[in-house]
Amino acid sequence: MENRSLEVLDVRELGLIIKKTAGTILTDLCRNPERIPKPFKLPGSRRPIWLRSAVDQFLLEQARKHDALGGKQSTQSTASKKV
């Protein structure tokens, strides 16, 4: 059984998940760090890495922030418009 919360991603793997190139991720890391999940580095390494659970949480927060989950409020407002 795999423990997804401890799955570690490198910049390439993160790019596949968030649909950005490794170069864009590294640029965002310096210029716009709020656009990507917060990375960390292992001792003795210069490369940023991410926990899959932190990436999942970041994506969920972004979806909520932009109302991409389609909660009950949007359903109610649509229903009230039809009446």
N, C-alpha and C. Protein backbone atom coordinates (compact mmCIF):
# COMPACT_ATOMS: atom_id res chain seq x y z
N MET A 1 0.84 -1.18 0.00
CA MET A 1 0.00 0.00 0.00
C MET A 1 0.88 1.25 0.00
N GLU A 2 0.65 2.13 -0.94
CA GLU A 2 1.46 3.33 -1.09
C GLU A 2 0.92 4.44 -0.20
N ASN A 3 1.82 5.14 0.48
CA ASN A 3 1.42 6.28 1.30
C ASN A 3 1.59 7.53 0.46
N ARG A 4 0.50 7.98 -0.14
CA ARG A 4 0.54 9.11 -1.06
C ARG A 4 1.00 10.40 -0.39
N SER A 5 0.73 10.56 0.89
CA SER A 5 1.10 11.79 1.58
C SER A 5 2.62 11.96 1.65
N LEU A 6 3.36 10.86 1.54
CA LEU A 6 4.82 10.94 1.60
C LEU A 6 5.46 10.81 0.22
N GLU A 7 4.66 10.79 -0.82
CA GLU A 7 5.19 10.74 -2.17
C GLU A 7 5.90 12.07 -2.47
N VAL A 8 7.13 11.98 -2.96
CA VAL A 8 7.94 13.16 -3.24
C VAL A 8 8.00 13.39 -4.75
N LEU A 9 7.82 14.65 -5.16
CA LEU A 9 7.83 15.01 -6.57
C LEU A 9 9.00 15.93 -6.88
N ASP A 10 9.62 15.72 -8.03
CA ASP A 10 10.63 16.67 -8.49
C ASP A 10 9.95 17.69 -9.39
N VAL A 11 10.70 18.64 -9.93
CA VAL A 11 10.12 19.71 -10.71
C VAL A 11 9.42 19.20 -11.98
N ARG A 12 9.95 18.17 -12.59
CA ARG A 12 9.33 17.60 -13.79
C ARG A 12 8.00 16.95 -13.45
N GLU A 13 7.97 16.18 -12.36
CA GLU A 13 6.73 15.51 -11.95
C GLU A 13 5.67 16.53 -11.52
N LEU A 14 6.10 17.59 -10.83
CA LEU A 14 5.16 18.65 -10.46
C LEU A 14 4.58 19.29 -11.71
N GLY A 15 5.42 19.52 -12.71
CA GLY A 15 4.96 20.12 -13.96
C GLY A 15 3.88 19.30 -14.64
N LEU A 16 4.00 17.99 -14.59
CA LEU A 16 2.98 17.13 -15.19
C LEU A 16 1.64 17.27 -14.47
N ILE A 17 1.69 17.50 -13.18
CA ILE A 17 0.46 17.61 -12.39
C ILE A 17 -0.20 18.97 -12.56
N ILE A 18 0.60 20.05 -12.50
CA ILE A 18 0.02 21.39 -12.57
C ILE A 18 0.06 21.98 -13.98
N LYS A 19 0.50 21.19 -14.93
CA LYS A 19 0.48 21.59 -16.35
C LYS A 19 1.33 22.82 -16.62
N LYS A 20 2.54 22.82 -16.06
CA LYS A 20 3.53 23.87 -16.32
C LYS A 20 4.85 23.20 -16.64
N THR A 21 5.68 23.89 -17.42
CA THR A 21 6.99 23.34 -17.73
C THR A 21 7.90 23.50 -16.52
N ALA A 22 8.96 22.71 -16.49
CA ALA A 22 9.92 22.80 -15.40
C ALA A 22 10.53 24.20 -15.35
N GLY A 23 10.81 24.78 -16.51
CA GLY A 23 11.37 26.13 -16.55
C GLY A 23 10.43 27.17 -15.97
N THR A 24 9.15 27.06 -16.27
CA THR A 24 8.16 28.00 -15.72
C THR A 24 8.06 27.83 -14.21
N ILE A 25 8.09 26.62 -13.74
CA ILE A 25 8.02 26.36 -12.29
C ILE A 25 9.22 26.99 -11.59
N LEU A 26 10.41 26.80 -12.15
CA LEU A 26 11.61 27.36 -11.52
C LEU A 26 11.59 28.88 -11.57
N THR A 27 11.06 29.46 -12.64
CA THR A 27 10.92 30.92 -12.72
C THR A 27 9.92 31.40 -11.68
N ASP A 28 8.78 30.74 -11.59
CA ASP A 28 7.77 31.11 -10.60
C ASP A 28 8.31 30.98 -9.18
N LEU A 29 9.15 30.03 -8.96
CA LEU A 29 9.75 29.81 -7.64
C LEU A 29 10.47 31.07 -7.17
N CYS A 30 11.11 31.78 -8.10
CA CYS A 30 11.85 33.01 -7.76
C CYS A 30 10.99 34.26 -7.87
N ARG A 31 10.21 34.36 -8.93
CA ARG A 31 9.49 35.61 -9.22
C ARG A 31 8.07 35.66 -8.66
N ASN A 32 7.38 34.54 -8.67
CA ASN A 32 5.98 34.48 -8.23
C ASN A 32 5.73 33.22 -7.41
N PRO A 33 6.33 33.12 -6.25
CA PRO A 33 6.21 31.87 -5.48
C PRO A 33 4.79 31.49 -5.08
N GLU A 34 3.86 32.45 -5.08
CA GLU A 34 2.47 32.13 -4.72
C GLU A 34 1.76 31.34 -5.82
N ARG A 35 2.35 31.26 -7.00
CA ARG A 35 1.73 30.55 -8.12
C ARG A 35 1.97 29.04 -8.11
N ILE A 36 2.82 28.58 -7.23
CA ILE A 36 3.12 27.15 -7.16
C ILE A 36 3.10 26.70 -5.69
N PRO A 37 2.93 25.40 -5.48
CA PRO A 37 3.00 24.89 -4.10
C PRO A 37 4.37 25.16 -3.49
N LYS A 38 4.43 25.31 -2.19
CA LYS A 38 5.68 25.59 -1.51
C LYS A 38 6.59 24.36 -1.52
N PRO A 39 7.80 24.52 -2.05
CA PRO A 39 8.74 23.39 -2.09
C PRO A 39 9.60 23.33 -0.83
N PHE A 40 10.41 22.30 -0.75
CA PHE A 40 11.44 22.22 0.28
C PHE A 40 12.63 21.51 -0.33
N LYS A 41 13.75 21.52 0.38
CA LYS A 41 14.97 20.86 -0.10
C LYS A 41 15.46 19.90 0.97
N LEU A 42 15.95 18.78 0.52
CA LEU A 42 16.55 17.82 1.44
C LEU A 42 17.96 18.28 1.77
N PRO A 43 18.46 17.93 2.95
CA PRO A 43 19.82 18.31 3.31
C PRO A 43 20.82 17.80 2.26
N GLY A 44 21.72 18.67 1.85
CA GLY A 44 22.75 18.30 0.89
C GLY A 44 22.29 18.38 -0.56
N SER A 45 21.09 18.88 -0.81
CA SER A 45 20.56 18.98 -2.16
C SER A 45 20.16 20.42 -2.45
N ARG A 46 20.33 20.83 -3.70
CA ARG A 46 19.92 22.16 -4.12
C ARG A 46 18.57 22.13 -4.84
N ARG A 47 18.12 20.96 -5.18
CA ARG A 47 16.90 20.83 -5.97
C ARG A 47 15.64 20.93 -5.12
N PRO A 48 14.69 21.75 -5.58
CA PRO A 48 13.42 21.82 -4.85
C PRO A 48 12.60 20.55 -5.10
N ILE A 49 11.90 20.13 -4.06
CA ILE A 49 10.99 18.98 -4.19
C ILE A 49 9.69 19.33 -3.47
N TRP A 50 8.66 18.56 -3.76
CA TRP A 50 7.34 18.81 -3.20
C TRP A 50 6.74 17.51 -2.70
N LEU A 51 5.98 17.59 -1.61
CA LEU A 51 5.19 16.44 -1.16
C LEU A 51 3.90 16.43 -1.97
N ARG A 52 3.51 15.27 -2.44
CA ARG A 52 2.29 15.15 -3.24
C ARG A 52 1.07 15.66 -2.46
N SER A 53 1.05 15.40 -1.17
CA SER A 53 -0.08 15.85 -0.35
C SER A 53 -0.15 17.38 -0.32
N ALA A 54 0.99 18.06 -0.28
CA ALA A 54 1.01 19.53 -0.29
C ALA A 54 0.54 20.07 -1.64
N VAL A 55 0.91 19.38 -2.71
CA VAL A 55 0.48 19.78 -4.06
C VAL A 55 -1.04 19.60 -4.18
N ASP A 56 -1.55 18.48 -3.71
CA ASP A 56 -3.00 18.24 -3.75
C ASP A 56 -3.75 19.31 -2.96
N GLN A 57 -3.23 19.67 -1.80
CA GLN A 57 -3.85 20.70 -0.97
C GLN A 57 -3.82 22.05 -1.68
N PHE A 58 -2.69 22.40 -2.30
CA PHE A 58 -2.56 23.65 -3.04
C PHE A 58 -3.60 23.71 -4.16
N LEU A 59 -3.74 22.63 -4.91
CA LEU A 59 -4.70 22.61 -6.01
C LEU A 59 -6.13 22.76 -5.50
N LEU A 60 -6.44 22.10 -4.41
CA LEU A 60 -7.78 22.21 -3.83
C LEU A 60 -8.06 23.64 -3.36
N GLU A 61 -7.07 24.26 -2.73
CA GLU A 61 -7.23 25.65 -2.29
C GLU A 61 -7.45 26.59 -3.47
N GLN A 62 -6.71 26.37 -4.56
CA GLN A 62 -6.86 27.21 -5.75
C GLN A 62 -8.23 27.01 -6.38
N ALA A 63 -8.68 25.78 -6.42
CA ALA A 63 -10.01 25.49 -6.98
C ALA A 63 -11.10 26.17 -6.15
N ARG A 64 -10.98 26.12 -4.84
CA ARG A 64 -11.96 26.78 -3.97
C ARG A 64 -11.91 28.29 -4.15
N LYS A 65 -10.71 28.82 -4.22
CA LYS A 65 -10.50 30.26 -4.38
C LYS A 65 -11.18 30.78 -5.65
N HIS A 66 -11.16 29.99 -6.69
CA HIS A 66 -11.72 30.39 -7.98
C HIS A 66 -13.08 29.76 -8.24
N ASP A 67 -13.71 29.24 -7.20
CA ASP A 67 -15.03 28.63 -7.27
C ASP A 67 -15.14 27.59 -8.38
N ALA A 68 -14.11 26.78 -8.50
CA ALA A 68 -14.08 25.76 -9.55
C ALA A 68 -14.70 24.44 -9.11
N LEU A 69 -15.12 24.36 -7.87
CA LEU A 69 -15.69 23.11 -7.36
C LEU A 69 -17.19 23.03 -7.55
N GLY A 70 -17.81 24.14 -7.93
CA GLY A 70 -19.25 24.13 -8.19
C GLY A 70 -20.06 23.73 -6.98
N GLY A 71 -19.91 24.46 -5.90
CA GLY A 71 -20.63 24.16 -4.66
C GLY A 71 -22.11 24.44 -4.77
N LYS A 72 -22.83 24.25 -3.66
CA LYS A 72 -24.28 24.42 -3.61
C LYS A 72 -24.70 25.86 -3.92
N GLN A 73 -23.87 26.83 -3.57
CA GLN A 73 -24.24 28.22 -3.80
C GLN A 73 -24.47 28.50 -5.28
N SER A 74 -23.58 27.99 -6.14
CA SER A 74 -23.75 28.24 -7.56
C SER A 74 -24.99 27.52 -8.10
N THR A 75 -25.32 26.36 -7.54
CA THR A 75 -26.51 25.63 -7.95
C THR A 75 -27.76 26.40 -7.54
N GLN A 76 -27.78 26.93 -6.32
CA GLN A 76 -28.93 27.69 -5.84
C GLN A 76 -29.12 28.97 -6.65
N SER A 77 -28.02 29.65 -6.96
CA SER A 77 -28.16 30.88 -7.73
C SER A 77 -28.65 30.60 -9.14
N THR A 78 -28.26 29.48 -9.71
CA THR A 78 -28.74 29.09 -11.03
C THR A 78 -30.23 28.76 -10.97
N ALA A 79 -30.65 28.05 -9.91
CA ALA A 79 -32.05 27.69 -9.75
C ALA A 79 -32.92 28.93 -9.55
N SER A 80 -32.43 29.90 -8.79
CA SER A 80 -33.22 31.11 -8.55
C SER A 80 -33.34 31.96 -9.82
N LYS A 81 -32.38 31.87 -10.71
CA LYS A 81 -32.45 32.61 -11.97
C LYS A 81 -33.50 32.05 -12.89
N LYS A 82 -33.73 30.73 -12.78
CA LYS A 82 -34.72 30.08 -13.66
C LYS A 82 -36.14 30.40 -13.25
N VAL A 83 -36.35 30.73 -11.97
CA VAL A 83 -37.69 30.98 -11.43
C VAL A 83 -38.20 32.33 -11.83
